[in-house]
Amino acid sequence: MQSTSKINRRDALKFAAAAAVPMVLPGHLFGADAPSKKITMASIGIGWQGGGNLGNFLHNDDCRVLAVADVDSNHLKEAADRVNKRYENTDCKPYKDFRDLLARKDIDAVCISTPDHWHSIPAIAAANAKKDIFCEKPLSHTLAEGIAMVEAVQRNDRIWQTGSWQRSVLNFRWAAGLVCNGTIGKVKRVEVGLPSGHSDFEKTGNSKPDSAPPTSLDYNFWVGPSQMMPFNPCRFHKNWRWNYNTGGGQLMDWIGHHCDIAHWGLSNAKFGCGPDDAIGPLEISATAEFPPKTDVWNTAGKYHIACKYPNNIEFTIAGGYKEIAGGTKWIGDNGWVHVNRGEFSASNPEWEKTYKAGKKRVEAAEQKFDFKLIASTNHFANFLDCIKSRTKTITPIEIAHRSQTPGHLGYIAAAVGRTLKWDAAKQEIVGDAEATKMLSKKFRAPWTA
């Protein structure tokens, strides 16, 4: 299986018009010869998740936040005031249009925390502007956008970190490391349990009528490349996840977390099928319970995706099925390991004892591993460190793209109602024109490339 390091550009969407910004150099060039300089940063999208990400960068002395961008003026003012209060000045500049922010030569890196449908355009624009990028998961709203994003980051030689922060947490690394080093033997089956249904983050319910957008919001810009729909508070802040026009439901909201960890554990080809920047299914079949397309919340509530991976590995992703526990479970011919947030369990009690004994015991055990995983204890610090060293982060874009791929393909397989063949090296659905069309979506003008 080939790495995505040479993704064929004919497979990528042609985003030149959508992502057009000046090709400017960053304000500072970082490398091993200048490790003490502060990295200048900006945040694009500063609502719920974006606010949390902004806070993490504000409290890291290796960087300095200079600007923020958002189409909601309330969010924009709150964020700018927050940055200025932190630094005790008025230097942070707010922008409604992220393209104006990206044109600044004194900004080295950006954090993108927009809704899913607004990941690809600013990410590609940032890469073309020679900015390093921290971007939220899932990587992209469609699989084709992900291919284009990988190509742009590689072509511009950018440092990329995905917000799949579980790789920077001890229990996930310990679990994946055990699997990679053959403690359970060759992996036979993987189970990835994700949430199902819909979570009402804004307490709106899903039955409020359409209404005028808030006066603080540029709604046309917020909809952006997606298809224009009347404003409805039930599919706005946070709850945009539950409509396919802007999000991907629980499946895509979580695939970048637990499927990412599953792939991490498979990244030693000797016991799994890695490396995880090239890994992918060979065959995908799926079922899903879809609400009517006209519903305000129309993403699948319950879903089951069955994949065949190289080396005869069965790979299941499910939401709403009690037999598939939340998190990631690898089952091998000599045992099993299961991990979730705040949880670790295994067929061998000694592996659990090591984890419960704490960080030092785990790190000592990891020293004996032949196949060592990247160790990170802070996802944001890892990004900044890699900007300085110009080395890959713990979740670079190639890995994030591969981690989301089974989710995108699972949705398509469920929608068309048949098994799909996937060529992971070429990033193509084999012999199914209808399904292939669903790998991308047409952008709304003026964002259409």
Protein backbone atom coordinates (compact mmCIF):
# COMPACT_ATOMS: atom_id res chain seq x y z
CA MET A 1 0.00 0.00 0.00
CA GLN A 2 1.36 3.40 -0.92
CA SER A 3 1.73 6.45 1.30
CA THR A 4 -0.30 9.59 0.68
CA SER A 5 2.96 11.50 0.36
CA LYS A 6 2.51 11.30 -3.41
CA ILE A 7 -1.24 11.75 -3.78
CA ASN A 8 -2.10 12.13 -7.44
CA ARG A 9 -3.22 15.71 -8.01
CA ARG A 10 -5.82 14.63 -10.56
CA ASP A 11 -7.74 13.17 -7.63
CA ALA A 12 -7.86 16.49 -5.80
CA LEU A 13 -10.60 19.06 -6.16
CA LYS A 14 -9.54 22.17 -8.03
CA PHE A 15 -9.89 24.72 -5.26
CA ALA A 16 -7.76 27.47 -6.81
CA ALA A 17 -10.55 30.01 -7.00
CA ALA A 18 -12.05 29.12 -3.65
CA ALA A 19 -8.74 29.28 -1.83
CA ALA A 20 -7.18 32.23 -3.63
CA VAL A 21 -5.09 34.42 -1.30
CA PRO A 22 -1.73 36.11 -1.81
CA MET A 23 1.26 33.78 -1.67
CA VAL A 24 2.98 35.49 1.25
CA LEU A 25 5.80 34.36 3.49
CA PRO A 26 5.25 34.10 7.26
CA GLY A 27 6.70 36.69 9.54
CA HIS A 28 9.29 34.35 11.04
CA LEU A 29 11.13 31.30 9.76
CA PHE A 30 11.50 28.67 12.45
CA GLY A 31 13.90 25.81 12.72
CA ALA A 32 16.45 24.24 15.00
CA ASP A 33 18.58 27.37 14.71
CA ALA A 34 15.90 29.62 16.19
CA PRO A 35 14.02 27.67 18.88
CA SER A 36 13.50 30.63 21.21
CA LYS A 37 11.39 32.86 18.93
CA LYS A 38 7.70 33.09 19.64
CA ILE A 39 5.42 31.69 16.98
CA THR A 40 2.86 34.24 15.86
CA MET A 41 -0.63 32.80 15.56
CA ALA A 42 -4.21 33.58 14.58
CA SER A 43 -7.51 31.77 15.18
CA ILE A 44 -10.17 31.26 12.51
CA GLY A 45 -13.52 30.23 14.00
CA ILE A 46 -13.74 31.08 17.68
CA GLY A 47 -17.02 29.69 18.93
CA TRP A 48 -17.34 26.67 21.20
CA GLN A 49 -14.39 24.46 20.17
CA GLY A 50 -12.48 27.41 18.80
CA GLY A 51 -12.68 29.18 22.13
CA GLY A 52 -11.15 26.20 23.89
CA ASN A 53 -8.37 25.93 21.33
CA LEU A 54 -7.69 29.66 21.60
CA GLY A 55 -7.30 29.30 25.35
CA ASN A 56 -4.71 26.57 24.98
CA PHE A 57 -2.59 28.71 22.68
CA LEU A 58 -3.03 31.83 24.80
CA HIS A 59 -1.51 30.04 27.76
CA ASN A 60 1.49 28.67 25.89
CA ASP A 61 4.52 30.96 26.10
CA ASP A 62 5.96 29.61 22.84
CA CYS A 63 3.40 31.52 20.79
CA ARG A 64 1.67 34.87 20.56
CA VAL A 65 -1.88 35.28 19.21
CA LEU A 66 -2.12 38.35 16.96
CA ALA A 67 -5.52 38.04 15.28
CA VAL A 68 -8.90 36.31 15.30
CA ALA A 69 -11.54 35.77 12.61
CA ASP A 70 -15.23 34.87 12.80
CA VAL A 71 -18.45 35.69 10.94
CA ASP A 72 -20.32 36.19 14.24
CA SER A 73 -19.47 39.68 15.57
CA ASN A 74 -20.29 38.65 19.14
CA HIS A 75 -17.80 35.80 19.03
CA LEU A 76 -15.29 38.07 17.35
CA LYS A 77 -15.43 40.81 19.98
CA GLU A 78 -15.34 38.34 22.87
CA ALA A 79 -12.29 36.61 21.45
CA ALA A 80 -10.39 39.81 20.67
CA ASP A 81 -11.11 41.15 24.14
CA ARG A 82 -9.96 37.86 25.65
CA VAL A 83 -6.65 37.94 23.78
CA ASN A 84 -6.01 41.59 24.64
CA LYS A 85 -6.78 40.97 28.30
CA ARG A 86 -4.32 38.08 28.35
CA TYR A 87 -1.51 40.19 26.89
CA GLU A 88 -2.59 43.45 28.55
CA ASN A 89 -2.66 45.40 25.30
CA THR A 90 -4.94 46.08 22.32
CA ASP A 91 -2.84 44.45 19.60
CA CYS A 92 -5.19 41.61 18.63
CA LYS A 93 -7.03 42.53 15.44
CA PRO A 94 -10.48 41.04 14.65
CA TYR A 95 -11.40 40.01 11.10
CA LYS A 96 -14.73 38.95 9.63
CA ASP A 97 -13.04 37.60 6.49
CA PHE A 98 -10.32 35.01 7.14
CA ARG A 99 -8.67 35.87 3.81
CA ASP A 100 -7.69 39.30 5.12
CA LEU A 101 -6.13 37.63 8.13
CA LEU A 102 -4.19 35.16 5.98
CA ALA A 103 -2.74 38.01 3.90
CA ARG A 104 -0.77 39.24 6.92
CA LYS A 105 2.94 38.55 6.61
CA ASP A 106 3.54 38.59 10.36
CA ILE A 107 1.45 35.48 11.13
CA ASP A 108 3.21 32.12 11.10
CA ALA A 109 0.41 29.70 11.99
CA VAL A 110 -3.37 29.49 12.23
CA CYS A 111 -5.85 27.47 14.25
CA ILE A 112 -8.99 26.55 12.26
CA SER A 113 -12.01 25.63 14.42
CA THR A 114 -14.87 26.31 12.01
CA PRO A 115 -17.82 23.98 11.29
CA ASP A 116 -16.96 21.00 9.06
CA HIS A 117 -18.12 22.65 5.82
CA TRP A 118 -15.63 25.47 6.43
CA HIS A 119 -12.48 23.36 6.91
CA SER A 120 -11.14 22.86 3.40
CA ILE A 121 -11.22 26.38 1.93
CA PRO A 122 -9.41 28.22 4.76
CA ALA A 123 -7.04 25.29 5.27
CA ILE A 124 -5.95 25.24 1.63
CA ALA A 125 -5.76 29.03 1.60
CA ALA A 126 -3.58 28.96 4.73
CA ALA A 127 -1.27 26.36 3.20
CA ASN A 128 -0.96 28.45 0.02
CA ALA A 129 -0.14 31.46 2.21
CA LYS A 130 2.68 29.43 3.80
CA LYS A 131 1.06 29.24 7.23
CA ASP A 132 1.37 26.20 9.47
CA ILE A 133 -2.01 24.84 10.52
CA PHE A 134 -3.83 23.37 13.51
CA CYS A 135 -7.28 22.25 12.31
CA GLU A 136 -10.17 20.49 13.96
CA LYS A 137 -11.45 17.03 13.13
CA PRO A 138 -13.00 15.60 11.09
CA LEU A 139 -10.48 16.80 8.55
CA SER A 140 -12.98 17.60 5.82
CA HIS A 141 -16.66 17.74 4.96
CA THR A 142 -16.16 15.40 1.98
CA LEU A 143 -13.49 12.87 1.18
CA ALA A 144 -12.46 14.70 -1.99
CA GLU A 145 -11.88 17.88 0.00
CA GLY A 146 -9.57 15.88 2.27
CA ILE A 147 -7.52 14.71 -0.71
CA ALA A 148 -7.17 18.32 -1.89
CA MET A 149 -6.17 19.49 1.60
CA VAL A 150 -3.44 16.84 1.86
CA GLU A 151 -2.09 17.85 -1.54
CA ALA A 152 -1.99 21.55 -0.60
CA VAL A 153 -0.21 20.96 2.70
CA GLN A 154 2.35 18.65 1.09
CA ARG A 155 2.95 20.96 -1.87
CA ASN A 156 3.57 23.91 0.44
CA ASP A 157 5.61 21.91 2.96
CA ARG A 158 3.46 22.97 5.92
CA ILE A 159 3.37 21.66 9.48
CA TRP A 160 -0.12 20.33 10.28
CA GLN A 161 -1.72 19.19 13.51
CA THR A 162 -5.25 17.77 13.67
CA GLY A 163 -7.33 18.25 16.79
CA SER A 164 -7.44 14.48 17.37
CA TRP A 165 -5.97 15.04 20.82
CA GLN A 166 -6.49 11.47 22.04
CA ARG A 167 -3.06 10.60 20.59
CA SER A 168 -1.59 12.90 23.24
CA VAL A 169 -3.24 11.01 26.13
CA LEU A 170 -1.42 8.21 27.97
CA ASN A 171 -4.05 5.44 27.95
CA PHE A 172 -4.59 5.71 24.18
CA ARG A 173 -0.87 5.60 23.47
CA TRP A 174 -0.33 2.66 25.83
CA ALA A 175 -3.17 0.71 24.19
CA ALA A 176 -2.03 1.40 20.64
CA GLY A 177 1.56 0.62 21.56
CA LEU A 178 0.65 -2.76 22.99
CA VAL A 179 -1.18 -3.68 19.80
CA CYS A 180 1.58 -2.37 17.52
CA ASN A 181 4.14 -4.49 19.38
CA GLY A 182 2.28 -7.74 18.96
CA THR A 183 1.18 -8.34 22.54
CA ILE A 184 -2.19 -9.58 21.27
CA GLY A 185 -0.60 -11.27 18.25
CA LYS A 186 -1.76 -10.44 14.76
CA VAL A 187 -4.90 -8.32 14.78
CA LYS A 188 -7.94 -10.17 13.51
CA ARG A 189 -10.75 -7.76 14.29
CA VAL A 190 -11.20 -4.10 15.27
CA GLU A 191 -14.33 -2.60 16.84
CA VAL A 192 -14.86 1.16 16.93
CA GLY A 193 -17.84 2.32 18.99
CA LEU A 194 -19.11 5.87 18.41
CA PRO A 195 -22.12 7.80 19.76
CA SER A 196 -25.49 7.55 18.05
CA GLY A 197 -28.51 9.82 17.75
CA HIS A 198 -28.21 13.58 18.15
CA SER A 199 -27.07 15.69 21.10
CA ASP A 200 -28.88 18.99 21.61
CA PHE A 201 -25.89 21.13 22.53
CA GLU A 202 -27.82 24.41 22.31
CA LYS A 203 -31.06 23.14 23.91
CA THR A 204 -33.05 24.12 20.85
CA GLY A 205 -34.72 20.85 19.98
CA ASN A 206 -35.13 20.06 16.30
CA SER A 207 -38.56 21.46 15.59
CA LYS A 208 -38.26 25.24 15.78
CA PRO A 209 -39.36 27.15 12.66
CA ASP A 210 -37.03 29.00 10.33
CA SER A 211 -36.36 32.57 11.36
CA ALA A 212 -34.23 35.61 10.65
CA PRO A 213 -30.55 35.08 11.58
CA PRO A 214 -29.10 36.99 14.53
CA THR A 215 -28.05 40.54 13.65
CA SER A 216 -24.53 39.69 14.85
CA LEU A 217 -24.15 37.04 12.14
CA ASP A 218 -23.18 37.25 8.48
CA TYR A 219 -25.34 34.24 7.61
CA ASN A 220 -24.47 34.21 3.91
CA PHE A 221 -20.77 33.94 4.81
CA TRP A 222 -21.53 31.33 7.48
CA VAL A 223 -23.29 29.09 4.93
CA GLY A 224 -20.35 29.73 2.61
CA PRO A 225 -19.69 26.88 0.13
CA SER A 226 -22.67 24.81 1.30
CA GLN A 227 -26.12 25.08 -0.22
CA MET A 228 -28.18 28.02 1.01
CA MET A 229 -30.91 27.07 3.47
CA PRO A 230 -33.17 29.32 5.56
CA PHE A 231 -31.69 30.14 8.94
CA ASN A 232 -32.91 27.82 11.67
CA PRO A 233 -31.63 28.03 15.27
CA CYS A 234 -31.74 24.21 15.51
CA ARG A 235 -28.99 23.78 12.95
CA PHE A 236 -26.80 26.67 13.97
CA HIS A 237 -24.05 26.99 16.63
CA LYS A 238 -22.94 23.51 17.78
CA ASN A 239 -26.03 21.84 16.30
CA TRP A 240 -24.86 22.37 12.72
CA ARG A 241 -23.42 18.84 13.17
CA TRP A 242 -26.82 17.26 12.69
CA ASN A 243 -27.46 18.46 9.13
CA TYR A 244 -25.53 17.05 6.17
CA ASN A 245 -25.31 20.49 4.58
CA THR A 246 -22.79 21.57 7.23
CA GLY A 247 -21.82 18.49 9.27
CA GLY A 248 -21.76 14.72 9.28
CA GLY A 249 -23.63 13.59 12.37
CA GLN A 250 -22.18 11.56 15.22
CA LEU A 251 -20.32 9.34 12.75
CA MET A 252 -18.16 12.13 11.32
CA ASP A 253 -18.03 14.09 14.57
CA TRP A 254 -16.27 11.14 16.27
CA ILE A 255 -14.55 9.22 13.47
CA GLY A 256 -11.47 11.42 13.79
CA HIS A 257 -11.10 10.33 17.41
CA HIS A 258 -11.71 6.59 17.85
CA CYS A 259 -11.02 5.45 14.28
CA ASP A 260 -7.81 7.45 14.46
CA ILE A 261 -6.76 5.48 17.53
CA ALA A 262 -7.77 2.22 15.81
CA HIS A 263 -5.51 3.01 12.87
CA TRP A 264 -2.70 3.96 15.24
CA GLY A 265 -2.82 0.46 16.72
CA LEU A 266 -2.65 -1.06 13.23
CA SER A 267 0.33 1.03 12.11
CA ASN A 268 2.88 -1.78 12.42
CA ALA A 269 2.28 -3.85 9.30
CA LYS A 270 3.78 -6.90 11.01
CA PHE A 271 0.78 -7.20 13.34
CA GLY A 272 -1.71 -4.82 11.70
CA CYS A 273 -1.71 -3.26 8.22
CA GLY A 274 0.01 0.15 8.57
CA PRO A 275 1.64 2.62 8.21
CA ASP A 276 -1.30 4.72 9.32
CA ASP A 277 -0.68 7.51 6.79
CA ALA A 278 -1.47 4.99 4.04
CA ILE A 279 -3.90 2.62 5.73
CA GLY A 280 -7.41 2.14 4.40
CA PRO A 281 -10.21 -0.35 3.88
CA LEU A 282 -10.50 -2.58 0.83
CA GLU A 283 -14.26 -3.09 1.03
CA ILE A 284 -17.08 -1.29 2.86
CA SER A 285 -20.72 -2.13 3.48
CA ALA A 286 -23.03 -0.19 5.76
CA THR A 287 -26.54 0.37 7.04
CA ALA A 288 -27.89 3.53 8.66
CA GLU A 289 -31.14 4.96 9.96
CA PHE A 290 -31.55 8.23 8.09
CA PRO A 291 -34.24 10.78 9.01
CA PRO A 292 -36.03 12.40 6.06
CA LYS A 293 -33.67 14.62 4.10
CA THR A 294 -35.96 17.58 4.74
CA ASP A 295 -35.68 17.29 8.54
CA VAL A 296 -33.72 19.98 10.35
CA TRP A 297 -31.61 17.19 11.85
CA ASN A 298 -31.15 14.74 8.99
CA THR A 299 -27.90 12.93 9.84
CA ALA A 300 -27.94 9.20 10.59
CA GLY A 301 -28.90 8.35 14.16
CA LYS A 302 -27.90 4.67 14.19
CA TYR A 303 -25.32 3.17 11.84
CA HIS A 304 -23.19 0.08 11.29
CA ILE A 305 -20.18 -0.03 8.96
CA ALA A 306 -18.37 -3.27 8.15
CA CYS A 307 -14.98 -3.00 6.46
CA LYS A 308 -12.40 -5.43 5.21
CA TYR A 309 -8.81 -4.24 5.76
CA PRO A 310 -5.55 -5.70 4.44
CA ASN A 311 -4.23 -8.85 6.12
CA ASN A 312 -7.80 -10.15 6.53
CA ILE A 313 -8.65 -7.74 9.34
CA GLU A 314 -12.36 -7.22 10.01
CA PHE A 315 -13.07 -3.61 10.99
CA THR A 316 -16.43 -2.52 12.40
CA ILE A 317 -17.58 1.05 13.14
CA ALA A 318 -20.94 1.39 14.85
CA GLY A 319 -23.15 3.81 16.72
CA GLY A 320 -26.23 2.61 18.59
CA TYR A 321 -25.25 -1.07 18.85
CA LYS A 322 -24.77 -2.33 22.42
CA GLU A 323 -22.46 -5.13 21.33
CA ILE A 324 -19.90 -2.56 20.08
CA ALA A 325 -18.51 -0.77 23.13
CA GLY A 326 -17.60 2.89 22.93
CA GLY A 327 -13.97 3.56 22.07
CA THR A 328 -11.58 1.21 20.27
CA LYS A 329 -11.04 -2.53 20.72
CA TRP A 330 -8.43 -4.61 18.94
CA ILE A 331 -8.82 -8.40 18.99
CA GLY A 332 -5.86 -10.56 18.08
CA ASP A 333 -5.05 -14.24 18.05
CA ASN A 334 -3.45 -13.92 21.52
CA GLY A 335 -5.77 -11.50 23.33
CA TRP A 336 -7.48 -8.11 23.17
CA VAL A 337 -7.10 -4.47 24.25
CA HIS A 338 -9.87 -1.90 24.70
CA VAL A 339 -9.49 1.85 25.28
CA ASN A 340 -11.87 4.75 25.70
CA ARG A 341 -11.72 8.15 27.34
CA GLY A 342 -10.69 7.51 30.93
CA GLU A 343 -10.75 3.74 30.38
CA PHE A 344 -8.31 0.95 29.65
CA SER A 345 -8.94 -2.80 29.78
CA ALA A 346 -7.22 -5.85 28.33
CA SER A 347 -7.25 -9.63 28.32
CA ASN A 348 -3.94 -9.62 30.23
CA PRO A 349 -4.32 -8.16 33.77
CA GLU A 350 -0.64 -7.13 33.79
CA TRP A 351 -1.25 -4.59 31.02
CA GLU A 352 -3.97 -3.01 33.13
CA LYS A 353 -1.73 -2.98 36.21
CA THR A 354 0.98 -1.18 34.27
CA TYR A 355 -1.45 1.51 33.14
CA LYS A 356 -2.93 1.95 36.63
CA ALA A 357 0.58 2.27 38.09
CA GLY A 358 0.95 5.56 36.22
CA LYS A 359 2.99 7.42 33.66
CA LYS A 360 6.45 6.33 34.81
CA ARG A 361 5.57 2.64 34.71
CA VAL A 362 4.03 2.98 31.26
CA GLU A 363 7.02 4.89 29.90
CA ALA A 364 9.41 2.32 31.33
CA ALA A 365 7.43 -0.47 29.66
CA GLU A 366 7.37 1.45 26.37
CA GLN A 367 11.18 1.58 26.36
CA LYS A 368 11.16 -2.17 25.81
CA PHE A 369 8.98 -1.89 22.72
CA ASP A 370 10.59 -2.49 19.34
CA PHE A 371 7.94 -0.40 17.58
CA LYS A 372 7.79 2.95 19.37
CA LEU A 373 4.99 5.47 18.86
CA ILE A 374 5.47 9.23 19.03
CA ALA A 375 5.01 10.36 22.62
CA SER A 376 3.14 13.61 23.27
CA THR A 377 1.62 14.85 26.50
CA ASN A 378 0.22 18.13 25.15
CA HIS A 379 -1.35 18.32 21.70
CA PHE A 380 -0.89 22.08 21.34
CA ALA A 381 2.70 22.06 22.56
CA ASN A 382 3.46 19.24 20.12
CA PHE A 383 2.24 21.44 17.25
CA LEU A 384 4.37 24.39 18.32
CA ASP A 385 7.42 22.20 18.90
CA CYS A 386 7.06 20.75 15.41
CA ILE A 387 6.78 24.20 13.86
CA LYS A 388 10.18 24.97 15.36
CA SER A 389 11.79 21.66 14.41
CA ARG A 390 9.96 21.35 11.04
CA THR A 391 9.12 17.74 11.84
CA LYS A 392 5.77 15.97 11.58
CA THR A 393 3.28 16.30 14.43
CA ILE A 394 1.65 13.38 16.19
CA THR A 395 -1.48 13.77 13.97
CA PRO A 396 -0.34 15.15 10.60
CA ILE A 397 -2.81 15.70 7.79
CA GLU A 398 -2.08 12.42 5.99
CA ILE A 399 -3.04 10.42 9.08
CA ALA A 400 -6.15 12.53 9.76
CA HIS A 401 -7.33 11.99 6.19
CA ARG A 402 -6.92 8.22 6.45
CA SER A 403 -8.66 8.17 9.84
CA GLN A 404 -11.80 9.83 8.46
CA THR A 405 -11.92 7.83 5.23
CA PRO A 406 -13.96 4.86 6.59
CA GLY A 407 -16.56 7.32 7.90
CA HIS A 408 -17.03 9.08 4.58
CA LEU A 409 -17.13 5.77 2.71
CA GLY A 410 -19.48 4.24 5.28
CA TYR A 411 -21.96 7.06 4.81
CA ILE A 412 -21.82 6.63 1.03
CA ALA A 413 -22.20 2.84 1.24
CA ALA A 414 -25.27 3.23 3.46
CA ALA A 415 -26.77 5.88 1.19
CA VAL A 416 -26.40 3.84 -2.01
CA GLY A 417 -27.25 0.57 -0.27
CA ARG A 418 -24.44 -1.61 -1.58
CA THR A 419 -20.91 -2.75 -0.86
CA LEU A 420 -18.12 -0.50 -2.13
CA LYS A 421 -14.65 -1.48 -3.29
CA TRP A 422 -11.97 1.03 -2.29
CA ASP A 423 -8.52 1.44 -3.79
CA ALA A 424 -6.65 2.95 -0.84
CA ALA A 425 -3.52 3.70 -2.84
CA LYS A 426 -5.34 5.57 -5.62
CA GLN A 427 -8.02 6.99 -3.26
CA GLU A 428 -10.78 5.81 -5.57
CA ILE A 429 -14.05 3.89 -5.37
CA VAL A 430 -13.75 1.07 -7.87
CA GLY A 431 -16.43 0.57 -10.52
CA ASP A 432 -19.28 2.60 -9.00
CA ALA A 433 -19.96 5.91 -10.74
CA GLU A 434 -22.90 6.87 -8.50
CA ALA A 435 -20.92 6.35 -5.31
CA THR A 436 -17.90 8.15 -6.77
CA LYS A 437 -20.00 11.28 -7.32
CA MET A 438 -20.73 11.33 -3.59
CA LEU A 439 -17.05 11.73 -2.75
CA SER A 440 -17.48 15.47 -3.35
CA LYS A 441 -20.12 18.20 -3.22
CA LYS A 442 -20.64 21.17 -5.51
CA PHE A 443 -19.63 24.45 -3.90
CA ARG A 444 -22.06 27.36 -3.83
CA ALA A 445 -20.98 30.47 -5.71
CA PRO A 446 -18.80 32.44 -5.27
CA TRP A 447 -16.89 29.62 -3.58
CA THR A 448 -17.32 27.19 -6.46
CA ALA A 449 -13.93 26.45 -8.00
